[in-house]
Amino acid sequence: MTITEKREIAEKIKELLSRLISDVESQEIKQESKPLEMLTIKECAEAVKGISEHTIRQLVAQNKVPFIRTGQGKRGKILISKSALLNLLTKSA
């Protein structure tokens, strides 16, 4: 393999890496621009017909759906990402 061929291969690799990096950066920008919608347990039950508040609480207790607790201790309000809940329910369906 000649030096010219090696340089051509290196240039092609460089071009492919540049395209890959720009694609990843554009996807990250799209994801950052979408606001995250958080729902309370009651709002989750209203958003998904057929699932009770008790079922949502069980999913939280079993750590099957990511959540955050606002406030202190067990009295804090539980907030669940709407997209995470819908992803969980569509996977199990």
C-alpha atoms as a PDB file:
ATOM      1  CA  MET A   1       0.000   0.000   0.000  1.00  0.00           C
ATOM      2  CA  THR A   2       1.421   3.333  -1.020  1.00  0.00           C
ATOM      3  CA  ILE A   3       1.550   6.492   1.042  1.00  0.00           C
ATOM      4  CA  THR A   4      -1.039   8.091  -1.251  1.00  0.00           C
ATOM      5  CA  GLU A   5      -3.489   5.252  -0.643  1.00  0.00           C
ATOM      6  CA  LYS A   6      -2.926   5.508   3.108  1.00  0.00           C
ATOM      7  CA  ARG A   7      -3.603   9.246   3.013  1.00  0.00           C
ATOM      8  CA  GLU A   8      -6.814   8.705   1.027  1.00  0.00           C
ATOM      9  CA  ILE A   9      -8.017   6.148   3.570  1.00  0.00           C
ATOM     10  CA  ALA A  10      -7.132   8.483   6.430  1.00  0.00           C
ATOM     11  CA  GLU A  11      -9.057  11.328   4.757  1.00  0.00           C
ATOM     12  CA  LYS A  12     -12.116   9.091   4.288  1.00  0.00           C
ATOM     13  CA  ILE A  13     -11.986   8.057   7.951  1.00  0.00           C
ATOM     14  CA  LYS A  14     -11.646  11.696   8.989  1.00  0.00           C
ATOM     15  CA  GLU A  15     -14.669  12.650   6.858  1.00  0.00           C
ATOM     16  CA  LEU A  16     -16.780   9.805   8.275  1.00  0.00           C
ATOM     17  CA  LEU A  17     -15.868  10.742  11.848  1.00  0.00           C
ATOM     18  CA  SER A  18     -16.749  14.372  11.185  1.00  0.00           C
ATOM     19  CA  ARG A  19     -20.176  13.363   9.870  1.00  0.00           C
ATOM     20  CA  LEU A  20     -20.740  11.058  12.825  1.00  0.00           C
ATOM     21  CA  ILE A  21     -19.854  13.781  15.333  1.00  0.00           C
ATOM     22  CA  SER A  22     -22.131  16.321  13.650  1.00  0.00           C
ATOM     23  CA  ASP A  23     -25.019  13.799  13.617  1.00  0.00           C
ATOM     24  CA  VAL A  24     -24.587  13.079  17.328  1.00  0.00           C
ATOM     25  CA  GLU A  25     -24.412  16.790  18.173  1.00  0.00           C
ATOM     26  CA  SER A  26     -27.568  17.556  16.171  1.00  0.00           C
ATOM     27  CA  GLN A  27     -29.438  14.747  17.965  1.00  0.00           C
ATOM     28  CA  GLU A  28     -28.307  16.089  21.348  1.00  0.00           C
ATOM     29  CA  ILE A  29     -29.558  19.560  20.437  1.00  0.00           C
ATOM     30  CA  LYS A  30     -32.950  18.146  19.421  1.00  0.00           C
ATOM     31  CA  GLN A  31     -33.248  16.228  22.709  1.00  0.00           C
ATOM     32  CA  GLU A  32     -32.260  19.252  24.805  1.00  0.00           C
ATOM     33  CA  SER A  33     -34.850  21.484  23.155  1.00  0.00           C
ATOM     34  CA  LYS A  34     -37.735  19.202  24.158  1.00  0.00           C
ATOM     35  CA  PRO A  35     -39.058  20.139  27.624  1.00  0.00           C
ATOM     36  CA  LEU A  36     -39.413  17.363  30.171  1.00  0.00           C
ATOM     37  CA  GLU A  37     -42.997  16.937  31.352  1.00  0.00           C
ATOM     38  CA  MET A  38     -43.304  15.657  34.915  1.00  0.00           C
ATOM     39  CA  LEU A  39     -46.578  14.327  36.277  1.00  0.00           C
ATOM     40  CA  THR A  40     -47.872  13.573  39.765  1.00  0.00           C
ATOM     41  CA  ILE A  41     -49.258  10.118  40.480  1.00  0.00           C
ATOM     42  CA  LYS A  42     -52.807  11.406  40.067  1.00  0.00           C
ATOM     43  CA  GLU A  43     -51.942  13.058  36.744  1.00  0.00           C
ATOM     44  CA  CYS A  44     -50.309   9.806  35.541  1.00  0.00           C
ATOM     45  CA  ALA A  45     -53.498   7.881  36.290  1.00  0.00           C
ATOM     46  CA  GLU A  46     -55.526  10.487  34.394  1.00  0.00           C
ATOM     47  CA  ALA A  47     -53.116  10.501  31.431  1.00  0.00           C
ATOM     48  CA  VAL A  48     -53.221   6.714  31.008  1.00  0.00           C
ATOM     49  CA  LYS A  49     -56.771   5.417  31.129  1.00  0.00           C
ATOM     50  CA  GLY A  50     -57.120   2.020  32.768  1.00  0.00           C
ATOM     51  CA  ILE A  51     -54.253   2.427  35.235  1.00  0.00           C
ATOM     52  CA  SER A  52     -55.063   3.365  38.802  1.00  0.00           C
ATOM     53  CA  GLU A  53     -53.085   5.537  41.184  1.00  0.00           C
ATOM     54  CA  HIS A  54     -52.359   2.384  43.196  1.00  0.00           C
ATOM     55  CA  THR A  55     -50.736   0.741  40.160  1.00  0.00           C
ATOM     56  CA  ILE A  56     -48.582   3.817  39.569  1.00  0.00           C
ATOM     57  CA  ARG A  57     -47.518   3.756  43.232  1.00  0.00           C
ATOM     58  CA  GLN A  58     -46.597   0.079  42.867  1.00  0.00           C
ATOM     59  CA  LEU A  59     -44.462   0.832  39.805  1.00  0.00           C
ATOM     60  CA  VAL A  60     -42.671   3.514  41.828  1.00  0.00           C
ATOM     61  CA  ALA A  61     -42.205   1.217  44.843  1.00  0.00           C
ATOM     62  CA  GLN A  62     -40.750  -1.507  42.611  1.00  0.00           C
ATOM     63  CA  ASN A  63     -38.464   1.032  40.886  1.00  0.00           C
ATOM     64  CA  LYS A  64     -39.911   0.070  37.508  1.00  0.00           C
ATOM     65  CA  VAL A  65     -40.399   3.709  36.548  1.00  0.00           C
ATOM     66  CA  PRO A  66     -37.882   6.484  37.306  1.00  0.00           C
ATOM     67  CA  PHE A  67     -39.197   9.191  39.623  1.00  0.00           C
ATOM     68  CA  ILE A  68     -38.119  12.053  41.823  1.00  0.00           C
ATOM     69  CA  ARG A  69     -39.522  12.962  45.199  1.00  0.00           C
ATOM     70  CA  THR A  70     -39.926  16.638  45.993  1.00  0.00           C
ATOM     71  CA  GLY A  71     -39.984  17.720  49.595  1.00  0.00           C
ATOM     72  CA  GLN A  72     -38.676  15.721  52.513  1.00  0.00           C
ATOM     73  CA  GLY A  73     -39.152  12.094  53.468  1.00  0.00           C
ATOM     74  CA  LYS A  74     -42.210  10.038  52.636  1.00  0.00           C
ATOM     75  CA  ARG A  75     -44.388  13.153  52.582  1.00  0.00           C
ATOM     76  CA  GLY A  76     -42.682  14.522  49.461  1.00  0.00           C
ATOM     77  CA  LYS A  77     -44.620  14.617  46.217  1.00  0.00           C
ATOM     78  CA  ILE A  78     -43.645  11.969  43.666  1.00  0.00           C
ATOM     79  CA  LEU A  79     -43.059  13.218  40.120  1.00  0.00           C
ATOM     80  CA  ILE A  80     -42.740  10.885  37.142  1.00  0.00           C
ATOM     81  CA  SER A  81     -41.561  11.722  33.653  1.00  0.00           C
ATOM     82  CA  LYS A  82     -44.465  11.314  31.240  1.00  0.00           C
ATOM     83  CA  SER A  83     -42.205   9.964  28.504  1.00  0.00           C
ATOM     84  CA  ALA A  84     -40.605   7.408  30.874  1.00  0.00           C
ATOM     85  CA  LEU A  85     -44.033   6.170  31.972  1.00  0.00           C
ATOM     86  CA  LEU A  86     -45.271   5.846  28.396  1.00  0.00           C
ATOM     87  CA  ASN A  87     -42.057   4.061  27.362  1.00  0.00           C
ATOM     88  CA  LEU A  88     -42.491   1.569  30.210  1.00  0.00           C
ATOM     89  CA  LEU A  89     -46.103   0.884  29.300  1.00  0.00           C
ATOM     90  CA  THR A  90     -45.410   0.468  25.591  1.00  0.00           C
ATOM     91  CA  LYS A  91     -42.540  -1.944  26.260  1.00  0.00           C
ATOM     92  CA  SER A  92     -44.684  -4.189  28.451  1.00  0.00           C
ATOM     93  CA  ALA A  93     -47.619  -4.150  26.026  1.00  0.00           C
END
